[in-house]
Protein backbone atom coordinates (compact mmCIF):
# COMPACT_ATOMS: atom_id res chain seq x y z
CA UNK A 1 -11.42 -8.13 2.64
CA UNK A 2 -9.72 -5.64 0.36
CA UNK A 3 -10.25 -5.12 -3.37
CA UNK A 4 -7.94 -2.20 -4.24
CA UNK A 5 -8.13 -2.75 -8.00
CA UNK A 6 -11.94 -2.94 -7.96
CA UNK A 7 -12.14 0.14 -5.73
CA UNK A 8 -9.76 2.05 -8.01
CA UNK A 9 -11.73 0.98 -11.09
CA UNK A 10 -15.02 2.05 -9.50
CA UNK A 11 -13.49 5.38 -8.44
CA UNK A 12 -12.14 5.98 -11.96
CA UNK A 13 -15.56 5.26 -13.47
CA UNK A 14 -17.23 7.63 -11.01
CA UNK A 15 -14.67 10.35 -11.83
CA UNK A 16 -15.31 9.95 -15.56
CA UNK A 17 -19.06 10.18 -15.03
CA UNK A 18 -18.66 13.20 -12.75
CA UNK A 19 -16.36 14.93 -15.27
CA UNK A 20 -18.86 14.30 -18.07
CA UNK A 21 -21.69 15.69 -15.95
CA UNK A 22 -19.65 18.76 -14.95
CA UNK A 23 -18.67 19.45 -18.54
CA UNK A 24 -22.23 19.11 -19.79
CA UNK A 25 -23.12 22.36 -18.04
CA UNK A 26 -26.74 22.28 -19.16
CA UNK A 27 -29.43 23.24 -16.63
CA UNK A 28 -31.05 19.81 -16.93
CA UNK A 29 -27.82 17.84 -16.42
CA UNK A 30 -28.00 15.21 -13.70
CA UNK A 31 -25.38 14.45 -11.07
CA UNK A 32 -23.04 11.48 -11.34
CA UNK A 33 -24.56 8.25 -10.05
CA UNK A 34 -23.80 6.86 -6.65
CA UNK A 35 -20.33 5.31 -6.31
CA UNK A 36 -20.61 1.57 -5.64
CA UNK A 37 -17.59 -0.31 -4.31
CA UNK A 38 -16.75 -3.54 -2.48
CA UNK A 39 -17.48 -1.60 0.72
CA UNK A 40 -21.08 -1.28 1.93
CA UNK A 41 -20.58 2.50 1.85
CA UNK A 42 -22.21 4.31 -1.09
CA UNK A 43 -20.98 7.78 -1.99
CA UNK A 44 -23.09 10.33 -3.87
CA UNK A 45 -23.01 14.06 -4.62
CA UNK A 46 -19.25 14.18 -4.02
CA UNK A 47 -17.33 17.37 -4.88
CA UNK A 48 -14.58 19.67 -3.61
CA UNK A 49 -14.70 23.45 -3.74
CA UNK A 50 -12.29 25.00 -6.26
CA UNK A 51 -9.89 27.49 -4.66
CA UNK A 52 -8.36 30.82 -5.65
CA UNK A 53 -4.58 31.12 -6.09
CA UNK A 54 -2.76 31.15 -2.75
CA UNK A 55 -5.50 29.37 -0.80
CA UNK A 56 -4.18 26.91 1.76
CA UNK A 57 -7.49 25.17 2.49
CA UNK A 58 -10.40 23.64 0.59
CA UNK A 59 -13.53 21.75 1.61
CA UNK A 60 -14.95 18.47 0.34
CA UNK A 61 -18.58 17.40 0.41
CA UNK A 62 -20.59 14.22 -0.21
CA UNK A 63 -23.31 11.96 1.08
CA UNK A 64 -22.14 8.67 2.61
CA UNK A 65 -24.73 5.89 2.93
CA UNK A 66 -24.16 2.60 4.80
CA UNK A 67 -25.94 -0.21 2.94
CA UNK A 68 -24.41 -2.93 5.11
CA UNK A 69 -25.72 -4.79 8.17
CA UNK A 70 -23.15 -3.34 10.62
CA UNK A 71 -22.29 0.18 11.76
CA UNK A 72 -19.25 1.75 10.09
CA UNK A 73 -17.08 4.70 11.08
CA UNK A 74 -15.17 7.02 8.79
CA UNK A 75 -12.21 7.96 10.99
CA UNK A 76 -10.47 10.39 8.66
CA UNK A 77 -9.26 11.06 5.15
CA UNK A 78 -6.12 11.80 3.18
CA UNK A 79 -5.20 13.34 -0.16
CA UNK A 80 -1.97 13.82 -2.09
CA UNK A 81 -3.12 17.43 -2.68
CA UNK A 82 -3.17 18.28 1.05
CA UNK A 83 -0.71 17.95 3.90
CA UNK A 84 -3.62 17.13 6.19
CA UNK A 85 -7.32 16.27 5.81
CA UNK A 86 -9.73 16.40 8.75
CA UNK A 87 -13.44 15.87 9.24
CA UNK A 88 -14.93 19.17 10.47
CA UNK A 89 -18.28 20.41 11.70
CA UNK A 90 -19.61 23.95 11.53
CA UNK A 91 -22.02 25.32 14.12
CA UNK A 92 -23.44 28.69 15.09
CA UNK A 93 -22.58 29.86 18.61
CA UNK A 94 -23.21 33.37 19.93
CA UNK A 95 -23.91 34.60 16.42
CA UNK A 96 -20.60 33.31 15.08
CA UNK A 97 -19.86 30.35 12.84
CA UNK A 98 -17.45 27.95 14.52
CA UNK A 99 -15.55 25.16 12.84
CA UNK A 100 -14.23 22.20 14.82
CA UNK A 101 -12.56 18.90 14.01
CA UNK A 102 -14.76 15.84 14.60
CA UNK A 103 -12.15 13.76 16.49
CA UNK A 104 -14.11 10.49 16.62
CA UNK A 105 -15.02 10.55 12.93
CA UNK A 106 -18.42 9.82 11.44
CA UNK A 107 -20.39 6.85 12.78
CA UNK A 108 -22.87 5.60 10.19
CA UNK A 109 -25.50 3.10 11.34
CA UNK A 110 -26.79 0.37 9.01
CA UNK A 111 -29.21 1.92 6.52
CA UNK A 112 -28.28 5.46 7.62
CA UNK A 113 -26.49 8.22 5.76
CA UNK A 114 -24.38 11.23 6.68
CA UNK A 115 -24.29 14.32 4.48
CA UNK A 116 -21.22 16.53 4.28
CA UNK A 117 -22.41 19.89 2.91
CA UNK A 118 -21.53 23.60 3.00
CA UNK A 119 -22.35 25.06 6.41
CA UNK A 120 -22.21 21.68 8.17
CA UNK A 121 -20.01 18.61 8.23
CA UNK A 122 -17.24 18.61 5.61
CA UNK A 123 -13.76 17.38 4.81
CA UNK A 124 -11.21 20.14 5.41
CA UNK A 125 -8.18 19.83 3.12
CA UNK A 126 -5.33 21.83 4.68
CA UNK A 127 -1.82 22.75 3.54
CA UNK A 128 -2.75 22.46 -0.14
CA UNK A 129 0.07 21.91 -2.63
CA UNK A 130 -1.47 24.53 -4.93
CA UNK A 131 -4.82 25.88 -6.09
CA UNK A 132 -7.60 23.45 -6.98
CA UNK A 133 -8.99 24.48 -10.36
CA UNK A 134 -12.65 24.33 -11.37
CA UNK A 135 -13.11 21.08 -13.32
CA UNK A 136 -10.06 19.39 -11.80
CA UNK A 137 -10.43 16.01 -10.08
CA UNK A 138 -9.07 15.57 -6.55
CA UNK A 139 -8.22 12.09 -5.20
CA UNK A 140 -9.31 11.59 -1.58
CA UNK A 141 -9.13 8.37 0.45
CA UNK A 142 -11.67 7.91 3.24
CA UNK A 143 -10.16 6.01 6.17
CA UNK A 144 -12.43 3.46 7.87
CA UNK A 145 -12.27 2.08 11.40
CA UNK A 146 -11.53 -1.44 10.13
CA UNK A 147 -8.26 -0.17 8.61
CA UNK A 148 -9.55 -0.15 5.02
CA UNK A 149 -9.72 2.86 2.73
CA UNK A 150 -12.24 4.00 0.16
CA UNK A 151 -10.60 5.75 -2.82
CA UNK A 152 -12.65 8.62 -4.27
CA UNK A 153 -12.24 11.10 -7.12
CA UNK A 154 -14.01 14.39 -6.35
CA UNK A 155 -14.67 16.91 -9.11
CA UNK A 156 -13.76 20.50 -8.21
CA UNK A 157 -16.46 23.15 -8.57
CA UNK A 158 -16.74 26.85 -7.78
CA UNK A 159 -20.19 26.38 -6.22
CA UNK A 160 -22.47 23.54 -5.13
CA UNK A 161 -24.17 21.52 -7.85
CA UNK A 162 -27.65 22.71 -8.71
CA UNK A 163 -30.45 20.88 -6.93
CA UNK A 164 -32.47 18.58 -9.20
């Protein structure tokens, strides 16, 4: 069951709300609401880190919640801005931070959520086509194990959004 036009419309609405929130800039501004689509996955707190000129990589972050009755797996991602997008984890080992691809993707049980955040799980956008500017919106498609995709629009920021 695919609803590309509904998914695109929902993603566009979420991007507009995120852009409005980012441009508000006031200390009391709230984050964009959760992205609701035809999929049982709900996306919140989505953003990508803005990059300096010449950077070849960027990271994307979000919380993914499964509101459906069955487990789901995010197997990967893609973006027109990057030659390759992988799901990565970061861990400390022997006093050093290590980053590794998560080859099996992210399994999300019914009612569970997975958070991609700085210092932990994240989307690694590699081979960028140019810098990602603060305030820009980056299109990213999450790839699901059933063959469907979830189209997202992530606002670019220099630093994580302020906690509420």
